[in-house]
Amino acid sequence: MSVSGIEGIGGFAPLATPRLDPASDLTSPRGPDGASGAGGGFGDLVVKGVERLQQTQATSDQLAVKAATGDLQAIHQYTIAASEAQVTTQLTVAMRNKALEAFTEIMRMPV
């Protein structure tokens, strides 16, 4: 979820969330088995995605505590962080479901 148009509003700086660069995946050298030459593969992407999900949820939780205690000056920061955490969770669950469906379909294939 991008909040690139909000930077100029009231000095708000969007939360620092790491993003994947699809172009770098296309230009990275690949080995004969299709794996990235730099040692990054599908497993690394999954691990990074889960770490990003945990970081996003932790940020949302911290801002929720600040909002509940009255320490948060701008409530929109929590609202954006909570929405970002929700969307990230939904994406992760959808990817897990698709991977499970693919695994089930492979297991049904006759040998």
PDB file of N, CA and C in Angstrom:
ATOM      1  N   MET A   1       0.846  -1.162   0.000  1.00  0.00           N
ATOM      2  CA  MET A   1       0.000   0.000   0.000  1.00  0.00           C
ATOM      3  C   MET A   1       0.893   1.227   0.000  1.00  0.00           C
ATOM      4  N   SER A   2       0.694   2.117  -0.911  1.00  0.00           N
ATOM      5  CA  SER A   2       1.554   3.270  -1.050  1.00  0.00           C
ATOM      6  C   SER A   2       0.852   4.511  -0.515  1.00  0.00           C
ATOM      7  N   VAL A   3       1.593   5.321   0.194  1.00  0.00           N
ATOM      8  CA  VAL A   3       1.078   6.588   0.694  1.00  0.00           C
ATOM      9  C   VAL A   3       1.930   7.731   0.162  1.00  0.00           C
ATOM     10  N   SER A   4       2.400   7.582  -1.071  1.00  0.00           N
ATOM     11  CA  SER A   4       3.351   8.534  -1.631  1.00  0.00           C
ATOM     12  C   SER A   4       2.765   9.926  -1.796  1.00  0.00           C
ATOM     13  N   GLY A   5       1.477  10.074  -1.914  1.00  0.00           N
ATOM     14  CA  GLY A   5       0.881  11.388  -2.094  1.00  0.00           C
ATOM     15  C   GLY A   5       0.637  12.133  -0.805  1.00  0.00           C
ATOM     16  N   ILE A   6       0.931  11.548   0.336  1.00  0.00           N
ATOM     17  CA  ILE A   6       0.597  12.142   1.621  1.00  0.00           C
ATOM     18  C   ILE A   6       1.782  12.879   2.244  1.00  0.00           C
ATOM     19  N   GLU A   7       2.992  12.755   1.697  1.00  0.00           N
ATOM     20  CA  GLU A   7       4.164  13.329   2.339  1.00  0.00           C
ATOM     21  C   GLU A   7       4.030  14.823   2.603  1.00  0.00           C
ATOM     22  N   GLY A   8       3.386  15.540   1.721  1.00  0.00           N
ATOM     23  CA  GLY A   8       3.330  16.987   1.858  1.00  0.00           C
ATOM     24  C   GLY A   8       2.282  17.482   2.835  1.00  0.00           C
ATOM     25  N   ILE A   9       1.445  16.628   3.372  1.00  0.00           N
ATOM     26  CA  ILE A   9       0.357  17.045   4.245  1.00  0.00           C
ATOM     27  C   ILE A   9       0.864  17.165   5.675  1.00  0.00           C
ATOM     28  N   GLY A  10       0.906  18.342   6.196  1.00  0.00           N
ATOM     29  CA  GLY A  10       1.202  18.590   7.604  1.00  0.00           C
ATOM     30  C   GLY A  10       2.507  18.000   8.099  1.00  0.00           C
ATOM     31  N   GLY A  11       3.510  17.902   7.258  1.00  0.00           N
ATOM     32  CA  GLY A  11       4.798  17.390   7.695  1.00  0.00           C
ATOM     33  C   GLY A  11       4.800  15.904   7.989  1.00  0.00           C
ATOM     34  N   PHE A  12       3.813  15.187   7.533  1.00  0.00           N
ATOM     35  CA  PHE A  12       3.718  13.746   7.775  1.00  0.00           C
ATOM     36  C   PHE A  12       4.707  12.999   6.916  1.00  0.00           C
ATOM     37  N   ALA A  13       5.449  12.114   7.520  1.00  0.00           N
ATOM     38  CA  ALA A  13       6.358  11.241   6.784  1.00  0.00           C
ATOM     39  C   ALA A  13       5.806   9.826   6.857  1.00  0.00           C
ATOM     40  N   PRO A  14       5.640   9.143   5.718  1.00  0.00           N
ATOM     41  CA  PRO A  14       5.082   7.796   5.745  1.00  0.00           C
ATOM     42  C   PRO A  14       5.996   6.842   6.505  1.00  0.00           C
ATOM     43  N   LEU A  15       5.408   5.767   7.001  1.00  0.00           N
ATOM     44  CA  LEU A  15       6.172   4.761   7.721  1.00  0.00           C
ATOM     45  C   LEU A  15       7.202   4.138   6.803  1.00  0.00           C
ATOM     46  N   ALA A  16       8.350   3.843   7.341  1.00  0.00           N
ATOM     47  CA  ALA A  16       9.414   3.231   6.550  1.00  0.00           C
ATOM     48  C   ALA A  16       9.139   1.750   6.419  1.00  0.00           C
ATOM     49  N   THR A  17       8.673   1.345   5.251  1.00  0.00           N
ATOM     50  CA  THR A  17       8.420  -0.064   4.999  1.00  0.00           C
ATOM     51  C   THR A  17       9.264  -0.497   3.824  1.00  0.00           C
ATOM     52  N   PRO A  18      10.036  -1.551   3.996  1.00  0.00           N
ATOM     53  CA  PRO A  18      10.837  -2.019   2.876  1.00  0.00           C
ATOM     54  C   PRO A  18       9.943  -2.545   1.761  1.00  0.00           C
ATOM     55  N   ARG A  19      10.318  -2.290   0.564  1.00  0.00           N
ATOM     56  CA  ARG A  19       9.548  -2.749  -0.591  1.00  0.00           C
ATOM     57  C   ARG A  19      10.448  -3.572  -1.501  1.00  0.00           C
ATOM     58  N   LEU A  20       9.860  -4.556  -2.155  1.00  0.00           N
ATOM     59  CA  LEU A  20      10.591  -5.350  -3.131  1.00  0.00           C
ATOM     60  C   LEU A  20      10.633  -4.596  -4.448  1.00  0.00           C
ATOM     61  N   ASP A  21      11.723  -4.709  -5.147  1.00  0.00           N
ATOM     62  CA  ASP A  21      11.870  -4.070  -6.446  1.00  0.00           C
ATOM     63  C   ASP A  21      11.766  -5.142  -7.511  1.00  0.00           C
ATOM     64  N   PRO A  22      10.603  -5.235  -8.215  1.00  0.00           N
ATOM     65  CA  PRO A  22      10.439  -6.284  -9.218  1.00  0.00           C
ATOM     66  C   PRO A  22      11.467  -6.205 -10.338  1.00  0.00           C
ATOM     67  N   ALA A  23      11.932  -5.015 -10.670  1.00  0.00           N
ATOM     68  CA  ALA A  23      12.903  -4.882 -11.751  1.00  0.00           C
ATOM     69  C   ALA A  23      14.222  -5.554 -11.391  1.00  0.00           C
ATOM     70  N   SER A  24      14.605  -5.517 -10.116  1.00  0.00           N
ATOM     71  CA  SER A  24      15.870  -6.132  -9.733  1.00  0.00           C
ATOM     72  C   SER A  24      15.804  -7.649  -9.864  1.00  0.00           C
ATOM     73  N   ASP A  25      14.622  -8.220  -9.672  1.00  0.00           N
ATOM     74  CA  ASP A  25      14.478  -9.671  -9.854  1.00  0.00           C
ATOM     75  C   ASP A  25      14.646 -10.057 -11.315  1.00  0.00           C
ATOM     76  N   LEU A  26      14.255  -9.174 -12.222  1.00  0.00           N
ATOM     77  CA  LEU A  26      14.353  -9.487 -13.636  1.00  0.00           C
ATOM     78  C   LEU A  26      15.777  -9.352 -14.159  1.00  0.00           C
ATOM     79  N   THR A  27      16.559  -8.481 -13.532  1.00  0.00           N
ATOM     80  CA  THR A  27      17.902  -8.243 -14.033  1.00  0.00           C
ATOM     81  C   THR A  27      18.968  -9.042 -13.306  1.00  0.00           C
ATOM     82  N   SER A  28      18.611  -9.725 -12.222  1.00  0.00           N
ATOM     83  CA  SER A  28      19.621 -10.484 -11.488  1.00  0.00           C
ATOM     84  C   SER A  28      19.970 -11.750 -12.255  1.00  0.00           C
ATOM     85  N   PRO A  29      21.262 -12.128 -12.215  1.00  0.00           N
ATOM     86  CA  PRO A  29      21.668 -13.328 -12.959  1.00  0.00           C
ATOM     87  C   PRO A  29      21.061 -14.588 -12.347  1.00  0.00           C
ATOM     88  N   ARG A  30      20.684 -15.496 -13.199  1.00  0.00           N
ATOM     89  CA  ARG A  30      20.075 -16.740 -12.752  1.00  0.00           C
ATOM     90  C   ARG A  30      20.984 -17.904 -13.105  1.00  0.00           C
ATOM     91  N   GLY A  31      20.990 -18.876 -12.234  1.00  0.00           N
ATOM     92  CA  GLY A  31      21.769 -20.078 -12.485  1.00  0.00           C
ATOM     93  C   GLY A  31      21.003 -21.029 -13.386  1.00  0.00           C
ATOM     94  N   PRO A  32      21.593 -22.206 -13.712  1.00  0.00           N
ATOM     95  CA  PRO A  32      20.929 -23.158 -14.602  1.00  0.00           C
ATOM     96  C   PRO A  32      19.645 -23.728 -14.019  1.00  0.00           C
ATOM     97  N   ASP A  33      19.515 -23.740 -12.692  1.00  0.00           N
ATOM     98  CA  ASP A  33      18.299 -24.268 -12.081  1.00  0.00           C
ATOM     99  C   ASP A  33      17.247 -23.190 -11.873  1.00  0.00           C
ATOM    100  N   GLY A  34      17.500 -21.946 -12.333  1.00  0.00           N
ATOM    101  CA  GLY A  34      16.540 -20.858 -12.220  1.00  0.00           C
ATOM    102  C   GLY A  34      16.697 -20.056 -10.944  1.00  0.00           C
ATOM    103  N   ALA A  35      17.579 -20.486 -10.047  1.00  0.00           N
ATOM    104  CA  ALA A  35      17.781 -19.750  -8.806  1.00  0.00           C
ATOM    105  C   ALA A  35      18.650 -18.531  -9.063  1.00  0.00           C
ATOM    106  N   SER A  36      18.489 -17.546  -8.238  1.00  0.00           N
ATOM    107  CA  SER A  36      19.264 -16.324  -8.383  1.00  0.00           C
ATOM    108  C   SER A  36      20.727 -16.601  -8.089  1.00  0.00           C
ATOM    109  N   GLY A  37      21.609 -15.970  -8.857  1.00  0.00           N
ATOM    110  CA  GLY A  37      23.030 -16.163  -8.671  1.00  0.00           C
ATOM    111  C   GLY A  37      23.523 -15.589  -7.361  1.00  0.00           C
ATOM    112  N   ALA A  38      22.785 -14.663  -6.753  1.00  0.00           N
ATOM    113  CA  ALA A  38      23.208 -14.025  -5.515  1.00  0.00           C
ATOM    114  C   ALA A  38      22.791 -14.835  -4.293  1.00  0.00           C
ATOM    115  N   GLY A  39      22.244 -16.011  -4.470  1.00  0.00           N
ATOM    116  CA  GLY A  39      21.851 -16.845  -3.341  1.00  0.00           C
ATOM    117  C   GLY A  39      20.421 -16.587  -2.889  1.00  0.00           C
ATOM    118  N   GLY A  40      19.720 -15.655  -3.488  1.00  0.00           N
ATOM    119  CA  GLY A  40      18.340 -15.368  -3.124  1.00  0.00           C
ATOM    120  C   GLY A  40      17.404 -16.227  -3.949  1.00  0.00           C
ATOM    121  N   GLY A  41      16.475 -16.845  -3.297  1.00  0.00           N
ATOM    122  CA  GLY A  41      15.510 -17.668  -3.991  1.00  0.00           C
ATOM    123  C   GLY A  41      14.123 -17.451  -3.430  1.00  0.00           C
ATOM    124  N   PHE A  42      13.229 -18.358  -3.760  1.00  0.00           N
ATOM    125  CA  PHE A  42      11.854 -18.253  -3.299  1.00  0.00           C
ATOM    126  C   PHE A  42      11.778 -18.295  -1.782  1.00  0.00           C
ATOM    127  N   GLY A  43      12.580 -19.154  -1.174  1.00  0.00           N
ATOM    128  CA  GLY A  43      12.571 -19.262   0.286  1.00  0.00           C
ATOM    129  C   GLY A  43      12.969 -17.963   0.960  1.00  0.00           C
ATOM    130  N   ASP A  44      13.970 -17.278   0.378  1.00  0.00           N
ATOM    131  CA  ASP A  44      14.394 -15.994   0.933  1.00  0.00           C
ATOM    132  C   ASP A  44      13.284 -14.955   0.818  1.00  0.00           C
ATOM    133  N   LEU A  45      12.575 -14.962  -0.304  1.00  0.00           N
ATOM    134  CA  LEU A  45      11.465 -14.027  -0.467  1.00  0.00           C
ATOM    135  C   LEU A  45      10.365 -14.286   0.549  1.00  0.00           C
ATOM    136  N   VAL A  46      10.086 -15.555   0.828  1.00  0.00           N
ATOM    137  CA  VAL A  46       9.060 -15.894   1.812  1.00  0.00           C
ATOM    138  C   VAL A  46       9.481 -15.426   3.200  1.00  0.00           C
ATOM    139  N   VAL A  47      10.744 -15.682   3.551  1.00  0.00           N
ATOM    140  CA  VAL A  47      11.242 -15.264   4.863  1.00  0.00           C
ATOM    141  C   VAL A  47      11.192 -13.747   5.001  1.00  0.00           C
ATOM    142  N   LYS A  48      11.620 -13.024   3.971  1.00  0.00           N
ATOM    143  CA  LYS A  48      11.591 -11.562   4.012  1.00  0.00           C
ATOM    144  C   LYS A  48      10.157 -11.049   4.105  1.00  0.00           C
ATOM    145  N   GLY A  49       9.247 -11.704   3.410  1.00  0.00           N
ATOM    146  CA  GLY A  49       7.843 -11.300   3.474  1.00  0.00           C
ATOM    147  C   GLY A  49       7.249 -11.479   4.857  1.00  0.00           C
ATOM    148  N   VAL A  50       7.568 -12.592   5.505  1.00  0.00           N
ATOM    149  CA  VAL A  50       7.062 -12.829   6.859  1.00  0.00           C
ATOM    150  C   VAL A  50       7.688 -11.842   7.839  1.00  0.00           C
ATOM    151  N   GLU A  51       8.979 -11.560   7.673  1.00  0.00           N
ATOM    152  CA  GLU A  51       9.636 -10.573   8.537  1.00  0.00           C
ATOM    153  C   GLU A  51       9.003  -9.196   8.346  1.00  0.00           C
ATOM    154  N   ARG A  52       8.694  -8.839   7.113  1.00  0.00           N
ATOM    155  CA  ARG A  52       8.050  -7.557   6.829  1.00  0.00           C
ATOM    156  C   ARG A  52       6.664  -7.508   7.460  1.00  0.00           C
ATOM    157  N   LEU A  53       5.941  -8.622   7.414  1.00  0.00           N
ATOM    158  CA  LEU A  53       4.626  -8.687   8.046  1.00  0.00           C
ATOM    159  C   LEU A  53       4.744  -8.483   9.550  1.00  0.00           C
ATOM    160  N   GLN A  54       5.714  -9.140  10.172  1.00  0.00           N
ATOM    161  CA  GLN A  54       5.912  -8.982  11.614  1.00  0.00           C
ATOM    162  C   GLN A  54       6.275  -7.541  11.958  1.00  0.00           C
ATOM    163  N   GLN A  55       7.133  -6.926  11.161  1.00  0.00           N
ATOM    164  CA  GLN A  55       7.536  -5.549  11.413  1.00  0.00           C
ATOM    165  C   GLN A  55       6.348  -4.600  11.276  1.00  0.00           C
ATOM    166  N   THR A  56       5.534  -4.802  10.256  1.00  0.00           N
ATOM    167  CA  THR A  56       4.373  -3.957  10.027  1.00  0.00           C
ATOM    168  C   THR A  56       3.374  -4.089  11.172  1.00  0.00           C
ATOM    169  N   GLN A  57       3.150  -5.314  11.634  1.00  0.00           N
ATOM    170  CA  GLN A  57       2.220  -5.527  12.739  1.00  0.00           C
ATOM    171  C   GLN A  57       2.763  -4.966  14.047  1.00  0.00           C
ATOM    172  N   ALA A  58       4.076  -5.067  14.259  1.00  0.00           N
ATOM    173  CA  ALA A  58       4.681  -4.512  15.471  1.00  0.00           C
ATOM    174  C   ALA A  58       4.546  -2.986  15.486  1.00  0.00           C
ATOM    175  N   THR A  59       4.766  -2.358  14.339  1.00  0.00           N
ATOM    176  CA  THR A  59       4.611  -0.901  14.241  1.00  0.00           C
ATOM    177  C   THR A  59       3.175  -0.503  14.533  1.00  0.00           C
ATOM    178  N   SER A  60       2.227  -1.242  13.969  1.00  0.00           N
ATOM    179  CA  SER A  60       0.814  -0.961  14.202  1.00  0.00           C
ATOM    180  C   SER A  60       0.464  -1.130  15.677  1.00  0.00           C
ATOM    181  N   ASP A  61       0.990  -2.167  16.307  1.00  0.00           N
ATOM    182  CA  ASP A  61       0.728  -2.400  17.733  1.00  0.00           C
ATOM    183  C   ASP A  61       1.299  -1.278  18.600  1.00  0.00           C
ATOM    184  N   GLN A  62       2.520  -0.839  18.280  1.00  0.00           N
ATOM    185  CA  GLN A  62       3.136   0.251  19.042  1.00  0.00           C
ATOM    186  C   GLN A  62       2.323   1.534  18.926  1.00  0.00           C
ATOM    187  N   LEU A  63       1.880   1.841  17.722  1.00  0.00           N
ATOM    188  CA  LEU A  63       1.082   3.048  17.527  1.00  0.00           C
ATOM    189  C   LEU A  63      -0.291   2.921  18.187  1.00  0.00           C
ATOM    190  N   ALA A  64      -0.843   1.701  18.253  1.00  0.00           N
ATOM    191  CA  ALA A  64      -2.115   1.497  18.932  1.00  0.00           C
ATOM    192  C   ALA A  64      -1.988   1.779  20.424  1.00  0.00           C
ATOM    193  N   VAL A  65      -0.886   1.331  21.015  1.00  0.00           N
ATOM    194  CA  VAL A  65      -0.651   1.593  22.439  1.00  0.00           C
ATOM    195  C   VAL A  65      -0.500   3.092  22.679  1.00  0.00           C
ATOM    196  N   LYS A  66       0.258   3.762  21.800  1.00  0.00           N
ATOM    197  CA  LYS A  66       0.434   5.210  21.939  1.00  0.00           C
ATOM    198  C   LYS A  66      -0.901   5.936  21.792  1.00  0.00           C
ATOM    199  N   ALA A  67      -1.734   5.483  20.860  1.00  0.00           N
ATOM    200  CA  ALA A  67      -3.036   6.119  20.664  1.00  0.00           C
ATOM    201  C   ALA A  67      -3.939   5.900  21.886  1.00  0.00           C
ATOM    202  N   ALA A  68      -3.877   4.715  22.471  1.00  0.00           N
ATOM    203  CA  ALA A  68      -4.718   4.413  23.628  1.00  0.00           C
ATOM    204  C   ALA A  68      -4.281   5.186  24.871  1.00  0.00           C
ATOM    205  N   THR A  69      -2.989   5.436  24.990  1.00  0.00           N
ATOM    206  CA  THR A  69      -2.489   6.157  26.162  1.00  0.00           C
ATOM    207  C   THR A  69      -2.489   7.668  25.969  1.00  0.00           C
ATOM    208  N   GLY A  70      -2.759   8.130  24.760  1.00  0.00           N
ATOM    209  CA  GLY A  70      -2.805   9.556  24.487  1.00  0.00           C
ATOM    210  C   GLY A  70      -1.463  10.144  24.116  1.00  0.00           C
ATOM    211  N   ASP A  71      -0.451   9.313  23.911  1.00  0.00           N
ATOM    212  CA  ASP A  71       0.875   9.798  23.549  1.00  0.00           C
ATOM    213  C   ASP A  71       1.029  10.077  22.058  1.00  0.00           C
ATOM    214  N   LEU A  72       0.076   9.639  21.259  1.00  0.00           N
ATOM    215  CA  LEU A  72       0.169   9.820  19.804  1.00  0.00           C
ATOM    216  C   LEU A  72      -0.512  11.129  19.419  1.00  0.00           C
ATOM    217  N   GLN A  73       0.237  12.028  18.813  1.00  0.00           N
ATOM    218  CA  GLN A  73      -0.288  13.343  18.455  1.00  0.00           C
ATOM    219  C   GLN A  73      -1.161  13.290  17.200  1.00  0.00           C
ATOM    220  N   ALA A  74      -0.774  12.455  16.246  1.00  0.00           N
ATOM    221  CA  ALA A  74      -1.502  12.380  14.974  1.00  0.00           C
ATOM    222  C   ALA A  74      -2.101  10.983  14.831  1.00  0.00           C
ATOM    223  N   ILE A  75      -3.400  10.877  15.042  1.00  0.00           N
ATOM    224  CA  ILE A  75      -4.080   9.579  15.014  1.00  0.00           C
ATOM    225  C   ILE A  75      -4.049   8.953  13.626  1.00  0.00           C
ATOM    226  N   HIS A  76      -3.866   9.763  12.592  1.00  0.00           N
ATOM    227  CA  HIS A  76      -3.840   9.208  11.230  1.00  0.00           C
ATOM    228  C   HIS A  76      -2.643   8.283  11.028  1.00  0.00           C
ATOM    229  N   GLN A  77      -1.572   8.484  11.799  1.00  0.00           N
ATOM    230  CA  GLN A  77      -0.433   7.580  11.684  1.00  0.00           C
ATOM    231  C   GLN A  77      -0.835   6.161  12.082  1.00  0.00           C
ATOM    232  N   TYR A  78      -1.601   6.038  13.159  1.00  0.00           N
ATOM    233  CA  TYR A  78      -2.067   4.711  13.576  1.00  0.00           C
ATOM    234  C   TYR A  78      -3.032   4.134  12.545  1.00  0.00           C
ATOM    235  N   THR A  79      -3.922   4.962  12.039  1.00  0.00           N
ATOM    236  CA  THR A  79      -4.905   4.477  11.065  1.00  0.00           C
ATOM    237  C   THR A  79      -4.208   3.924   9.823  1.00  0.00           C
ATOM    238  N   ILE A  80      -3.202   4.631   9.343  1.00  0.00           N
ATOM    239  CA  ILE A  80      -2.465   4.175   8.165  1.00  0.00           C
ATOM    240  C   ILE A  80      -1.698   2.895   8.481  1.00  0.00           C
ATOM    241  N   ALA A  81      -1.044   2.852   9.640  1.00  0.00           N
ATOM    242  CA  ALA A  81      -0.276   1.662  10.021  1.00  0.00           C
ATOM    243  C   ALA A  81      -1.184   0.446  10.192  1.00  0.00           C
ATOM    244  N   ALA A  82      -2.356   0.649  10.787  1.00  0.00           N
ATOM    245  CA  ALA A  82      -3.291  -0.464  10.972  1.00  0.00           C
ATOM    246  C   ALA A  82      -3.810  -0.972   9.632  1.00  0.00           C
ATOM    247  N   SER A  83      -4.113  -0.057   8.715  1.00  0.00           N
ATOM    248  CA  SER A  83      -4.575  -0.465   7.384  1.00  0.00           C
ATOM    249  C   SER A  83      -3.476  -1.202   6.626  1.00  0.00           C
ATOM    250  N   GLU A  84      -2.252  -0.703   6.744  1.00  0.00           N
ATOM    251  CA  GLU A  84      -1.133  -1.353   6.075  1.00  0.00           C
ATOM    252  C   GLU A  84      -0.908  -2.762   6.633  1.00  0.00           C
ATOM    253  N   ALA A  85      -1.014  -2.910   7.954  1.00  0.00           N
ATOM    254  CA  ALA A  85      -0.860  -4.224   8.577  1.00  0.00           C
ATOM    255  C   ALA A  85      -1.974  -5.169   8.130  1.00  0.00           C
ATOM    256  N   GLN A  86      -3.193  -4.649   8.023  1.00  0.00           N
ATOM    257  CA  GLN A  86      -4.317  -5.473   7.593  1.00  0.00           C
ATOM    258  C   GLN A  86      -4.133  -5.957   6.156  1.00  0.00           C
ATOM    259  N   VAL A  87      -3.729  -5.059   5.270  1.00  0.00           N
ATOM    260  CA  VAL A  87      -3.537  -5.426   3.863  1.00  0.00           C
ATOM    261  C   VAL A  87      -2.380  -6.419   3.725  1.00  0.00           C
ATOM    262  N   THR A  88      -1.309  -6.195   4.472  1.00  0.00           N
ATOM    263  CA  THR A  88      -0.164  -7.107   4.423  1.00  0.00           C
ATOM    264  C   THR A  88      -0.555  -8.496   4.919  1.00  0.00           C
ATOM    265  N   THR A  89      -1.355  -8.548   5.981  1.00  0.00           N
ATOM    266  CA  THR A  89      -1.825  -9.839   6.497  1.00  0.00           C
ATOM    267  C   THR A  89      -2.709 -10.543   5.480  1.00  0.00           C
ATOM    268  N   GLN A  90      -3.609  -9.805   4.857  1.00  0.00           N
ATOM    269  CA  GLN A  90      -4.485 -10.401   3.851  1.00  0.00           C
ATOM    270  C   GLN A  90      -3.686 -10.938   2.674  1.00  0.00           C
ATOM    271  N   LEU A  91      -2.669 -10.201   2.243  1.00  0.00           N
ATOM    272  CA  LEU A  91      -1.825 -10.655   1.136  1.00  0.00           C
ATOM    273  C   LEU A  91      -1.071 -11.924   1.519  1.00  0.00           C
ATOM    274  N   THR A  92      -0.535 -11.957   2.723  1.00  0.00           N
ATOM    275  CA  THR A  92       0.206 -13.137   3.180  1.00  0.00           C
ATOM    276  C   THR A  92      -0.695 -14.362   3.254  1.00  0.00           C
ATOM    277  N   VAL A  93      -1.897 -14.191   3.772  1.00  0.00           N
ATOM    278  CA  VAL A  93      -2.839 -15.311   3.856  1.00  0.00           C
ATOM    279  C   VAL A  93      -3.243 -15.783   2.464  1.00  0.00           C
ATOM    280  N   ALA A  94      -3.460 -14.851   1.548  1.00  0.00           N
ATOM    281  CA  ALA A  94      -3.822 -15.224   0.175  1.00  0.00           C
ATOM    282  C   ALA A  94      -2.694 -15.998  -0.499  1.00  0.00           C
ATOM    283  N   MET A  95      -1.452 -15.559  -0.271  1.00  0.00           N
ATOM    284  CA  MET A  95      -0.314 -16.269  -0.855  1.00  0.00           C
ATOM    285  C   MET A  95      -0.182 -17.660  -0.252  1.00  0.00           C
ATOM    286  N   ARG A  96      -0.392 -17.780   1.050  1.00  0.00           N
ATOM    287  CA  ARG A  96      -0.334 -19.091   1.692  1.00  0.00           C
ATOM    288  C   ARG A  96      -1.406 -20.022   1.121  1.00  0.00           C
ATOM    289  N   ASN A  97      -2.611 -19.503   0.943  1.00  0.00           N
ATOM    290  CA  ASN A  97      -3.698 -20.314   0.395  1.00  0.00           C
ATOM    291  C   ASN A  97      -3.390 -20.781  -1.025  1.00  0.00           C
ATOM    292  N   LYS A  98      -2.833 -19.892  -1.851  1.00  0.00           N
ATOM    293  CA  LYS A  98      -2.476 -20.276  -3.223  1.00  0.00           C
ATOM    294  C   LYS A  98      -1.372 -21.327  -3.229  1.00  0.00           C
ATOM    295  N   ALA A  99      -0.391 -21.173  -2.351  1.00  0.00           N
ATOM    296  CA  ALA A  99       0.692 -22.165  -2.278  1.00  0.00           C
ATOM    297  C   ALA A  99       0.143 -23.509  -1.826  1.00  0.00           C
ATOM    298  N   LEU A 100      -0.775 -23.509  -0.878  1.00  0.00           N
ATOM    299  CA  LEU A 100      -1.384 -24.747  -0.406  1.00  0.00           C
ATOM    300  C   LEU A 100      -2.215 -25.405  -1.498  1.00  0.00           C
ATOM    301  N   GLU A 101      -2.950 -24.593  -2.254  1.00  0.00           N
ATOM    302  CA  GLU A 101      -3.723 -25.131  -3.379  1.00  0.00           C
ATOM    303  C   GLU A 101      -2.800 -25.754  -4.421  1.00  0.00           C
ATOM    304  N   ALA A 102      -1.688 -25.090  -4.722  1.00  0.00           N
ATOM    305  CA  ALA A 102      -0.733 -25.617  -5.701  1.00  0.00           C
ATOM    306  C   ALA A 102      -0.125 -26.925  -5.213  1.00  0.00           C
ATOM    307  N   PHE A 103       0.229 -26.991  -3.934  1.00  0.00           N
ATOM    308  CA  PHE A 103       0.790 -28.214  -3.377  1.00  0.00           C
ATOM    309  C   PHE A 103      -0.227 -29.354  -3.438  1.00  0.00           C
ATOM    310  N   THR A 104      -1.465 -29.065  -3.096  1.00  0.00           N
ATOM    311  CA  THR A 104      -2.519 -30.084  -3.149  1.00  0.00           C
ATOM    312  C   THR A 104      -2.718 -30.582  -4.576  1.00  0.00           C
ATOM    313  N   GLU A 105      -2.689 -29.663  -5.526  1.00  0.00           N
ATOM    314  CA  GLU A 105      -2.872 -30.048  -6.933  1.00  0.00           C
ATOM    315  C   GLU A 105      -1.694 -30.906  -7.410  1.00  0.00           C
ATOM    316  N   ILE A 106      -0.488 -30.571  -6.995  1.00  0.00           N
ATOM    317  CA  ILE A 106       0.680 -31.393  -7.370  1.00  0.00           C
ATOM    318  C   ILE A 106       0.567 -32.780  -6.782  1.00  0.00           C
ATOM    319  N   MET A 107       0.097 -32.875  -5.563  1.00  0.00           N
ATOM    320  CA  MET A 107      -0.031 -34.183  -4.907  1.00  0.00           C
ATOM    321  C   MET A 107      -1.105 -35.054  -5.579  1.00  0.00           C
ATOM    322  N   ARG A 108      -2.063 -34.437  -6.241  1.00  0.00           N
ATOM    323  CA  ARG A 108      -3.113 -35.192  -6.925  1.00  0.00           C
ATOM    324  C   ARG A 108      -2.670 -35.707  -8.285  1.00  0.00           C
ATOM    325  N   MET A 109      -1.548 -35.200  -8.807  1.00  0.00           N
ATOM    326  CA  MET A 109      -1.078 -35.618 -10.136  1.00  0.00           C
ATOM    327  C   MET A 109      -0.663 -37.076 -10.117  1.00  0.00           C
ATOM    328  N   PRO A 110      -1.080 -37.800 -11.149  1.00  0.00           N
ATOM    329  CA  PRO A 110      -0.632 -39.207 -11.219  1.00  0.00           C
ATOM    330  C   PRO A 110       0.836 -39.271 -11.618  1.00  0.00           C
ATOM    331  N   VAL A 111       1.511 -40.264 -11.069  1.00  0.00           N
ATOM    332  CA  VAL A 111       2.950 -40.404 -11.342  1.00  0.00           C
ATOM    333  C   VAL A 111       3.175 -41.262 -12.545  1.00  0.00           C
TER     334      VAL A 111
END
